[in-house]
Amino acid sequence: TSSSRASPLAPFRHKVFRAVWIASLASNFGG
């Protein structure tokens, strides 16, 4: 229940995930 109600953007609350996601986005562009 808690998983289904969680926001799709909830992982961005976690600093490390957010930083790696942004850096990976730039790397994906390059790739």
Full PDB file with SEQRES, HELIX, SHEET, SSBOND, CRYST1, ORIGX, SCALE, CONECT and MASTER records, all heavy atoms in Angstrom:
SEQRES   1 A   31  THR SER SER SER ARG ALA SER PRO LEU ALA PRO PHE ARG          
SEQRES   2 A   31  HIS LYS VAL PHE ARG ALA VAL TRP ILE ALA SER LEU ALA          
SEQRES   3 A   31  SER ASN PHE GLY GLY                                          
HELIX    1 AA1 SER A    2  ARG A    5  1                                   4    
HELIX    2 AA2 ALA A   10  ARG A   13  5                                   4    
HELIX    3 AA3 LYS A   15  GLY A   30  1                                  16    
CRYST1    1.000    1.000    1.000  90.00  90.00  90.00 P 1           1          
ORIGX1      1.000000  0.000000  0.000000        0.00000                         
ORIGX2      0.000000  1.000000  0.000000        0.00000                         
ORIGX3      0.000000  0.000000  1.000000        0.00000                         
SCALE1      1.000000  0.000000  0.000000        0.00000                         
SCALE2      0.000000  1.000000  0.000000        0.00000                         
SCALE3      0.000000  0.000000  1.000000        0.00000                         
ATOM      1  N   THR A   1       0.820  -1.199   0.000  1.00  0.00           N  
ATOM      2  CA  THR A   1       0.000   0.000   0.000  1.00  0.00           C  
ATOM      3  C   THR A   1       0.853   1.248   0.000  1.00  0.00           C  
ATOM      4  O   THR A   1       0.637   2.186  -0.763  1.00  0.00           O  
ATOM      5  CB  THR A   1      -0.944  -0.007   1.222  1.00  0.00           C  
ATOM      6  OG1 THR A   1      -1.759  -1.173   1.151  1.00  0.00           O  
ATOM      7  CG2 THR A   1      -1.813   1.222   1.241  1.00  0.00           C  
ATOM      8  N   SER A   2       1.856   1.275   0.905  1.00  0.00           N  
ATOM      9  CA  SER A   2       2.712   2.456   0.983  1.00  0.00           C  
ATOM     10  C   SER A   2       3.490   2.640  -0.292  1.00  0.00           C  
ATOM     11  O   SER A   2       3.728   3.759  -0.743  1.00  0.00           O  
ATOM     12  CB  SER A   2       3.673   2.336   2.181  1.00  0.00           C  
ATOM     13  OG  SER A   2       4.520   1.219   2.031  1.00  0.00           O  
ATOM     14  N   SER A   3       3.894   1.529  -0.930  1.00  0.00           N  
ATOM     15  CA  SER A   3       4.651   1.636  -2.182  1.00  0.00           C  
ATOM     16  C   SER A   3       3.783   2.196  -3.293  1.00  0.00           C  
ATOM     17  O   SER A   3       4.204   3.039  -4.082  1.00  0.00           O  
ATOM     18  CB  SER A   3       5.216   0.264  -2.562  1.00  0.00           C  
ATOM     19  OG  SER A   3       5.871   0.333  -3.789  1.00  0.00           O  
ATOM     20  N   SER A   4       2.526   1.713  -3.359  1.00  0.00           N  
ATOM     21  CA  SER A   4       1.654   2.153  -4.439  1.00  0.00           C  
ATOM     22  C   SER A   4       1.279   3.617  -4.296  1.00  0.00           C  
ATOM     23  O   SER A   4       1.009   4.281  -5.293  1.00  0.00           O  
ATOM     24  CB  SER A   4       0.406   1.269  -4.484  1.00  0.00           C  
ATOM     25  OG  SER A   4      -0.362   1.427  -3.319  1.00  0.00           O  
ATOM     26  N   ARG A   5       1.248   4.131  -3.069  1.00  0.00           N  
ATOM     27  CA  ARG A   5       0.870   5.515  -2.849  1.00  0.00           C  
ATOM     28  C   ARG A   5       2.056   6.460  -2.899  1.00  0.00           C  
ATOM     29  O   ARG A   5       1.882   7.667  -2.845  1.00  0.00           O  
ATOM     30  CB  ARG A   5       0.170   5.646  -1.493  1.00  0.00           C  
ATOM     31  CG  ARG A   5      -1.176   4.919  -1.439  1.00  0.00           C  
ATOM     32  CD  ARG A   5      -1.780   5.028  -0.048  1.00  0.00           C  
ATOM     33  NE  ARG A   5      -3.070   4.356   0.023  1.00  0.00           N  
ATOM     34  CZ  ARG A   5      -3.755   4.188   1.148  1.00  0.00           C  
ATOM     35  NH1 ARG A   5      -3.281   4.639   2.306  1.00  0.00           N  
ATOM     36  NH2 ARG A   5      -4.914   3.562   1.124  1.00  0.00           N  
ATOM     37  N   ALA A   6       3.279   5.924  -2.972  1.00  0.00           N  
ATOM     38  CA  ALA A   6       4.456   6.774  -2.969  1.00  0.00           C  
ATOM     39  C   ALA A   6       4.499   7.608  -4.241  1.00  0.00           C  
ATOM     40  O   ALA A   6       4.072   7.189  -5.308  1.00  0.00           O  
ATOM     41  CB  ALA A   6       5.718   5.920  -2.855  1.00  0.00           C  
ATOM     42  N   SER A   7       5.046   8.827  -4.122  1.00  0.00           N  
ATOM     43  CA  SER A   7       5.170   9.703  -5.272  1.00  0.00           C  
ATOM     44  C   SER A   7       6.170   9.130  -6.259  1.00  0.00           C  
ATOM     45  O   SER A   7       7.200   8.580  -5.850  1.00  0.00           O  
ATOM     46  CB  SER A   7       5.626  11.089  -4.802  1.00  0.00           C  
ATOM     47  OG  SER A   7       6.048  11.872  -5.897  1.00  0.00           O  
ATOM     48  N   PRO A   8       5.912   9.260  -7.565  1.00  0.00           N  
ATOM     49  CA  PRO A   8       6.901   8.801  -8.542  1.00  0.00           C  
ATOM     50  C   PRO A   8       8.246   9.514  -8.399  1.00  0.00           C  
ATOM     51  O   PRO A   8       9.268   9.004  -8.840  1.00  0.00           O  
ATOM     52  CB  PRO A   8       6.240   9.122  -9.887  1.00  0.00           C  
ATOM     53  CG  PRO A   8       4.785   9.214  -9.594  1.00  0.00           C  
ATOM     54  CD  PRO A   8       4.679   9.739  -8.199  1.00  0.00           C  
ATOM     55  N   LEU A   9       8.230  10.708  -7.794  1.00  0.00           N  
ATOM     56  CA  LEU A   9       9.467  11.478  -7.621  1.00  0.00           C  
ATOM     57  C   LEU A   9      10.086  11.291  -6.241  1.00  0.00           C  
ATOM     58  O   LEU A   9      11.063  11.965  -5.910  1.00  0.00           O  
ATOM     59  CB  LEU A   9       9.181  12.967  -7.860  1.00  0.00           C  
ATOM     60  CG  LEU A   9       8.591  13.338  -9.229  1.00  0.00           C  
ATOM     61  CD1 LEU A   9       8.356  14.845  -9.308  1.00  0.00           C  
ATOM     62  CD2 LEU A   9       9.515  12.896 -10.356  1.00  0.00           C  
ATOM     63  N   ALA A  10       9.543  10.369  -5.454  1.00  0.00           N  
ATOM     64  CA  ALA A  10      10.035  10.171  -4.088  1.00  0.00           C  
ATOM     65  C   ALA A  10      11.533   9.875  -4.014  1.00  0.00           C  
ATOM     66  O   ALA A  10      12.210  10.354  -3.095  1.00  0.00           O  
ATOM     67  CB  ALA A  10       9.237   9.054  -3.407  1.00  0.00           C  
ATOM     68  N   PRO A  11      12.113   9.103  -4.930  1.00  0.00           N  
ATOM     69  CA  PRO A  11      13.556   8.837  -4.820  1.00  0.00           C  
ATOM     70  C   PRO A  11      14.422  10.085  -4.858  1.00  0.00           C  
ATOM     71  O   PRO A  11      15.553  10.074  -4.356  1.00  0.00           O  
ATOM     72  CB  PRO A  11      13.837   7.935  -6.034  1.00  0.00           C  
ATOM     73  CG  PRO A  11      12.535   7.243  -6.292  1.00  0.00           C  
ATOM     74  CD  PRO A  11      11.490   8.274  -5.983  1.00  0.00           C  
ATOM     75  N   PHE A  12      13.924  11.175  -5.449  1.00  0.00           N  
ATOM     76  CA  PHE A  12      14.721  12.398  -5.500  1.00  0.00           C  
ATOM     77  C   PHE A  12      14.906  13.034  -4.117  1.00  0.00           C  
ATOM     78  O   PHE A  12      15.705  13.960  -3.961  1.00  0.00           O  
ATOM     79  CB  PHE A  12      14.087  13.414  -6.452  1.00  0.00           C  
ATOM     80  CG  PHE A  12      14.319  13.105  -7.911  1.00  0.00           C  
ATOM     81  CD1 PHE A  12      13.311  13.309  -8.839  1.00  0.00           C  
ATOM     82  CD2 PHE A  12      15.535  12.604  -8.344  1.00  0.00           C  
ATOM     83  CE1 PHE A  12      13.518  13.025 -10.179  1.00  0.00           C  
ATOM     84  CE2 PHE A  12      15.753  12.316  -9.683  1.00  0.00           C  
ATOM     85  CZ  PHE A  12      14.744  12.530 -10.598  1.00  0.00           C  
ATOM     86  N   ARG A  13      14.156  12.546  -3.129  1.00  0.00           N  
ATOM     87  CA  ARG A  13      14.384  13.046  -1.761  1.00  0.00           C  
ATOM     88  C   ARG A  13      15.744  12.608  -1.226  1.00  0.00           C  
ATOM     89  O   ARG A  13      16.246  13.199  -0.267  1.00  0.00           O  
ATOM     90  CB  ARG A  13      13.283  12.529  -0.829  1.00  0.00           C  
ATOM     91  CG  ARG A  13      11.894  13.064  -1.128  1.00  0.00           C  
ATOM     92  CD  ARG A  13      10.975  12.811   0.066  1.00  0.00           C  
ATOM     93  NE  ARG A  13      10.893  11.392   0.368  1.00  0.00           N  
ATOM     94  CZ  ARG A  13       9.868  10.605   0.007  1.00  0.00           C  
ATOM     95  NH1 ARG A  13       8.883  11.117  -0.701  1.00  0.00           N  
ATOM     96  NH2 ARG A  13       9.847   9.336   0.339  1.00  0.00           N  
ATOM     97  N   HIS A  14      16.316  11.588  -1.829  1.00  0.00           N  
ATOM     98  CA  HIS A  14      17.585  11.037  -1.350  1.00  0.00           C  
ATOM     99  C   HIS A  14      18.724  11.682  -2.133  1.00  0.00           C  
ATOM    100  O   HIS A  14      18.827  11.545  -3.355  1.00  0.00           O  
ATOM    101  CB  HIS A  14      17.576   9.518  -1.504  1.00  0.00           C  
ATOM    102  CG  HIS A  14      16.375   8.878  -0.869  1.00  0.00           C  
ATOM    103  ND1 HIS A  14      16.254   8.701   0.495  1.00  0.00           N  
ATOM    104  CD2 HIS A  14      15.219   8.401  -1.415  1.00  0.00           C  
ATOM    105  CE1 HIS A  14      15.088   8.134   0.766  1.00  0.00           C  
ATOM    106  NE2 HIS A  14      14.445   7.939  -0.375  1.00  0.00           N  
ATOM    107  N   LYS A  15      19.594  12.382  -1.431  1.00  0.00           N  
ATOM    108  CA  LYS A  15      20.610  13.235  -2.047  1.00  0.00           C  
ATOM    109  C   LYS A  15      21.515  12.469  -2.993  1.00  0.00           C  
ATOM    110  O   LYS A  15      21.809  12.925  -4.100  1.00  0.00           O  
ATOM    111  CB  LYS A  15      21.435  13.913  -0.943  1.00  0.00           C  
ATOM    112  CG  LYS A  15      22.521  14.843  -1.467  1.00  0.00           C  
ATOM    113  CD  LYS A  15      23.278  15.491  -0.316  1.00  0.00           C  
ATOM    114  CE  LYS A  15      24.385  16.402  -0.830  1.00  0.00           C  
ATOM    115  NZ  LYS A  15      25.139  17.018   0.300  1.00  0.00           N  
ATOM    116  N   VAL A  16      21.973  11.296  -2.583  1.00  0.00           N  
ATOM    117  CA  VAL A  16      22.909  10.535  -3.414  1.00  0.00           C  
ATOM    118  C   VAL A  16      22.238  10.108  -4.712  1.00  0.00           C  
ATOM    119  O   VAL A  16      22.809  10.256  -5.799  1.00  0.00           O  
ATOM    120  CB  VAL A  16      23.435   9.307  -2.643  1.00  0.00           C  
ATOM    121  CG1 VAL A  16      24.256   8.417  -3.561  1.00  0.00           C  
ATOM    122  CG2 VAL A  16      24.287   9.749  -1.467  1.00  0.00           C  
ATOM    123  N   PHE A  17      21.027   9.579  -4.610  1.00  0.00           N  
ATOM    124  CA  PHE A  17      20.324   9.166  -5.828  1.00  0.00           C  
ATOM    125  C   PHE A  17      20.135  10.349  -6.759  1.00  0.00           C  
ATOM    126  O   PHE A  17      20.340  10.239  -7.977  1.00  0.00           O  
ATOM    127  CB  PHE A  17      18.966   8.549  -5.479  1.00  0.00           C  
ATOM    128  CG  PHE A  17      18.160   8.162  -6.697  1.00  0.00           C  
ATOM    129  CD1 PHE A  17      18.397   6.952  -7.328  1.00  0.00           C  
ATOM    130  CD2 PHE A  17      17.194   9.009  -7.215  1.00  0.00           C  
ATOM    131  CE1 PHE A  17      17.673   6.591  -8.467  1.00  0.00           C  
ATOM    132  CE2 PHE A  17      16.463   8.663  -8.346  1.00  0.00           C  
ATOM    133  CZ  PHE A  17      16.704   7.447  -8.975  1.00  0.00           C  
ATOM    134  N   ARG A  18      19.758  11.481  -6.190  1.00  0.00           N  
ATOM    135  CA  ARG A  18      19.535  12.676  -7.016  1.00  0.00           C  
ATOM    136  C   ARG A  18      20.813  13.098  -7.742  1.00  0.00           C  
ATOM    137  O   ARG A  18      20.798  13.397  -8.945  1.00  0.00           O  
ATOM    138  CB  ARG A  18      19.025  13.811  -6.128  1.00  0.00           C  
ATOM    139  CG  ARG A  18      18.644  15.073  -6.893  1.00  0.00           C  
ATOM    140  CD  ARG A  18      17.956  16.077  -5.989  1.00  0.00           C  
ATOM    141  NE  ARG A  18      18.848  16.572  -4.942  1.00  0.00           N  
ATOM    142  CZ  ARG A  18      18.700  16.314  -3.650  1.00  0.00           C  
ATOM    143  NH1 ARG A  18      17.695  15.541  -3.230  1.00  0.00           N  
ATOM    144  NH2 ARG A  18      19.540  16.828  -2.760  1.00  0.00           N  
ATOM    145  N   ALA A  19      21.944  13.105  -7.022  1.00  0.00           N  
ATOM    146  CA  ALA A  19      23.215  13.524  -7.632  1.00  0.00           C  
ATOM    147  C   ALA A  19      23.651  12.548  -8.725  1.00  0.00           C  
ATOM    148  O   ALA A  19      24.068  12.957  -9.816  1.00  0.00           O  
ATOM    149  CB  ALA A  19      24.289  13.634  -6.558  1.00  0.00           C  
ATOM    150  N   VAL A  20      23.563  11.248  -8.436  1.00  0.00           N  
ATOM    151  CA  VAL A  20      23.973  10.254  -9.434  1.00  0.00           C  
ATOM    152  C   VAL A  20      23.031  10.287 -10.628  1.00  0.00           C  
ATOM    153  O   VAL A  20      23.468  10.146 -11.784  1.00  0.00           O  
ATOM    154  CB  VAL A  20      24.019   8.848  -8.800  1.00  0.00           C  
ATOM    155  CG1 VAL A  20      24.298   7.788  -9.857  1.00  0.00           C  
ATOM    156  CG2 VAL A  20      25.089   8.790  -7.720  1.00  0.00           C  
ATOM    157  N   TRP A  21      21.737  10.493 -10.393  1.00  0.00           N  
ATOM    158  CA  TRP A  21      20.767  10.541 -11.494  1.00  0.00           C  
ATOM    159  C   TRP A  21      21.083  11.699 -12.435  1.00  0.00           C  
ATOM    160  O   TRP A  21      21.078  11.534 -13.668  1.00  0.00           O  
ATOM    161  CB  TRP A  21      19.359  10.681 -10.935  1.00  0.00           C  
ATOM    162  CG  TRP A  21      18.274  10.548 -11.970  1.00  0.00           C  
ATOM    163  CD1 TRP A  21      17.660   9.403 -12.363  1.00  0.00           C  
ATOM    164  CD2 TRP A  21      17.687  11.602 -12.746  1.00  0.00           C  
ATOM    165  NE1 TRP A  21      16.721   9.678 -13.330  1.00  0.00           N  
ATOM    166  CE2 TRP A  21      16.716  11.008 -13.585  1.00  0.00           C  
ATOM    167  CE3 TRP A  21      17.888  12.978 -12.803  1.00  0.00           C  
ATOM    168  CZ2 TRP A  21      15.954  11.762 -14.471  1.00  0.00           C  
ATOM    169  CZ3 TRP A  21      17.133  13.731 -13.699  1.00  0.00           C  
ATOM    170  CH2 TRP A  21      16.173  13.120 -14.512  1.00  0.00           C  
ATOM    171  N   ILE A  22      21.357  12.874 -11.876  1.00  0.00           N  
ATOM    172  CA  ILE A  22      21.663  14.043 -12.718  1.00  0.00           C  
ATOM    173  C   ILE A  22      22.950  13.822 -13.504  1.00  0.00           C  
ATOM    174  O   ILE A  22      23.031  14.095 -14.708  1.00  0.00           O  
ATOM    175  CB  ILE A  22      21.768  15.316 -11.844  1.00  0.00           C  
ATOM    176  CG1 ILE A  22      20.392  15.663 -11.260  1.00  0.00           C  
ATOM    177  CG2 ILE A  22      22.293  16.494 -12.667  1.00  0.00           C  
ATOM    178  CD1 ILE A  22      20.424  16.770 -10.228  1.00  0.00           C  
ATOM    179  N   ALA A  23      23.996  13.307 -12.816  1.00  0.00           N  
ATOM    180  CA  ALA A  23      25.262  13.045 -13.507  1.00  0.00           C  
ATOM    181  C   ALA A  23      25.095  11.974 -14.573  1.00  0.00           C  
ATOM    182  O   ALA A  23      25.680  12.056 -15.660  1.00  0.00           O  
ATOM    183  CB  ALA A  23      26.325  12.634 -12.490  1.00  0.00           C  
ATOM    184  N   SER A  24      24.289  10.947 -14.284  1.00  0.00           N  
ATOM    185  CA  SER A  24      24.041   9.894 -15.268  1.00  0.00           C  
ATOM    186  C   SER A  24      23.266  10.429 -16.464  1.00  0.00           C  
ATOM    187  O   SER A  24      23.473   9.980 -17.600  1.00  0.00           O  
ATOM    188  CB  SER A  24      23.274   8.734 -14.623  1.00  0.00           C  
ATOM    189  OG  SER A  24      24.037   8.110 -13.622  1.00  0.00           O  
ATOM    190  N   LEU A  25      22.371  11.383 -16.224  1.00  0.00           N  
ATOM    191  CA  LEU A  25      21.630  11.990 -17.326  1.00  0.00           C  
ATOM    192  C   LEU A  25      22.595  12.651 -18.311  1.00  0.00           C  
ATOM    193  O   LEU A  25      22.479  12.465 -19.534  1.00  0.00           O  
ATOM    194  CB  LEU A  25      20.632  13.015 -16.779  1.00  0.00           C  
ATOM    195  CG  LEU A  25      19.800  13.778 -17.812  1.00  0.00           C  
ATOM    196  CD1 LEU A  25      18.910  12.819 -18.606  1.00  0.00           C  
ATOM    197  CD2 LEU A  25      18.948  14.853 -17.133  1.00  0.00           C  
ATOM    198  N   ALA A  26      23.581  13.401 -17.774  1.00  0.00           N  
ATOM    199  CA  ALA A  26      24.574  14.024 -18.650  1.00  0.00           C  
ATOM    200  C   ALA A  26      25.389  12.972 -19.387  1.00  0.00           C  
ATOM    201  O   ALA A  26      25.671  13.101 -20.590  1.00  0.00           O  
ATOM    202  CB  ALA A  26      25.492  14.930 -17.825  1.00  0.00           C  
ATOM    203  N   SER A  27      25.771  11.900 -18.673  1.00  0.00           N  
ATOM    204  CA  SER A  27      26.537  10.829 -19.311  1.00  0.00           C  
ATOM    205  C   SER A  27      25.715  10.119 -20.381  1.00  0.00           C  
ATOM    206  O   SER A  27      26.243   9.733 -21.435  1.00  0.00           O  
ATOM    207  CB  SER A  27      27.002   9.833 -18.246  1.00  0.00           C  
ATOM    208  OG  SER A  27      27.789   8.811 -18.813  1.00  0.00           O  
ATOM    209  N   ASN A  28      24.414   9.941 -20.128  1.00  0.00           N  
ATOM    210  CA  ASN A  28      23.550   9.322 -21.134  1.00  0.00           C  
ATOM    211  C   ASN A  28      23.461  10.176 -22.394  1.00  0.00           C  
ATOM    212  O   ASN A  28      23.442   9.646 -23.513  1.00  0.00           O  
ATOM    213  CB  ASN A  28      22.150   9.094 -20.559  1.00  0.00           C  
ATOM    214  CG  ASN A  28      22.112   7.969 -19.544  1.00  0.00           C  
ATOM    215  OD1 ASN A  28      22.930   7.054 -19.590  1.00  0.00           O  
ATOM    216  ND2 ASN A  28      21.169   8.038 -18.621  1.00  0.00           N  
ATOM    217  N   PHE A  29      23.388  11.489 -22.205  1.00  0.00           N  
ATOM    218  CA  PHE A  29      23.401  12.379 -23.365  1.00  0.00           C  
ATOM    219  C   PHE A  29      24.653  12.132 -24.198  1.00  0.00           C  
ATOM    220  O   PHE A  29      24.601  11.976 -25.418  1.00  0.00           O  
ATOM    221  CB  PHE A  29      23.363  13.848 -22.924  1.00  0.00           C  
ATOM    222  CG  PHE A  29      21.981  14.419 -22.843  1.00  0.00           C  
ATOM    223  CD1 PHE A  29      21.356  14.615 -21.634  1.00  0.00           C  
ATOM    224  CD2 PHE A  29      21.296  14.777 -23.998  1.00  0.00           C  
ATOM    225  CE1 PHE A  29      20.087  15.148 -21.550  1.00  0.00           C  
ATOM    226  CE2 PHE A  29      20.026  15.313 -23.934  1.00  0.00           C  
ATOM    227  CZ  PHE A  29      19.412  15.505 -22.711  1.00  0.00           C  
ATOM    228  N   GLY A  30      25.813  12.097 -23.507  1.00  0.00           N  
ATOM    229  CA  GLY A  30      27.062  11.882 -24.223  1.00  0.00           C  
ATOM    230  C   GLY A  30      27.111  10.544 -24.919  1.00  0.00           C  
ATOM    231  O   GLY A  30      27.571  10.439 -26.064  1.00  0.00           O  
ATOM    232  N   GLY A  31      26.632   9.486 -24.240  1.00  0.00           N  
ATOM    233  CA  GLY A  31      26.659   8.164 -24.845  1.00  0.00           C  
ATOM    234  C   GLY A  31      25.810   8.071 -26.092  1.00  0.00           C  
ATOM    235  O   GLY A  31      26.200   7.440 -27.090  1.00  0.00           O  
TER     236      GLY A  31                                                      
MASTER        0    0    0    3    0    0    0    6  235    1    0    3          
END                                                                             
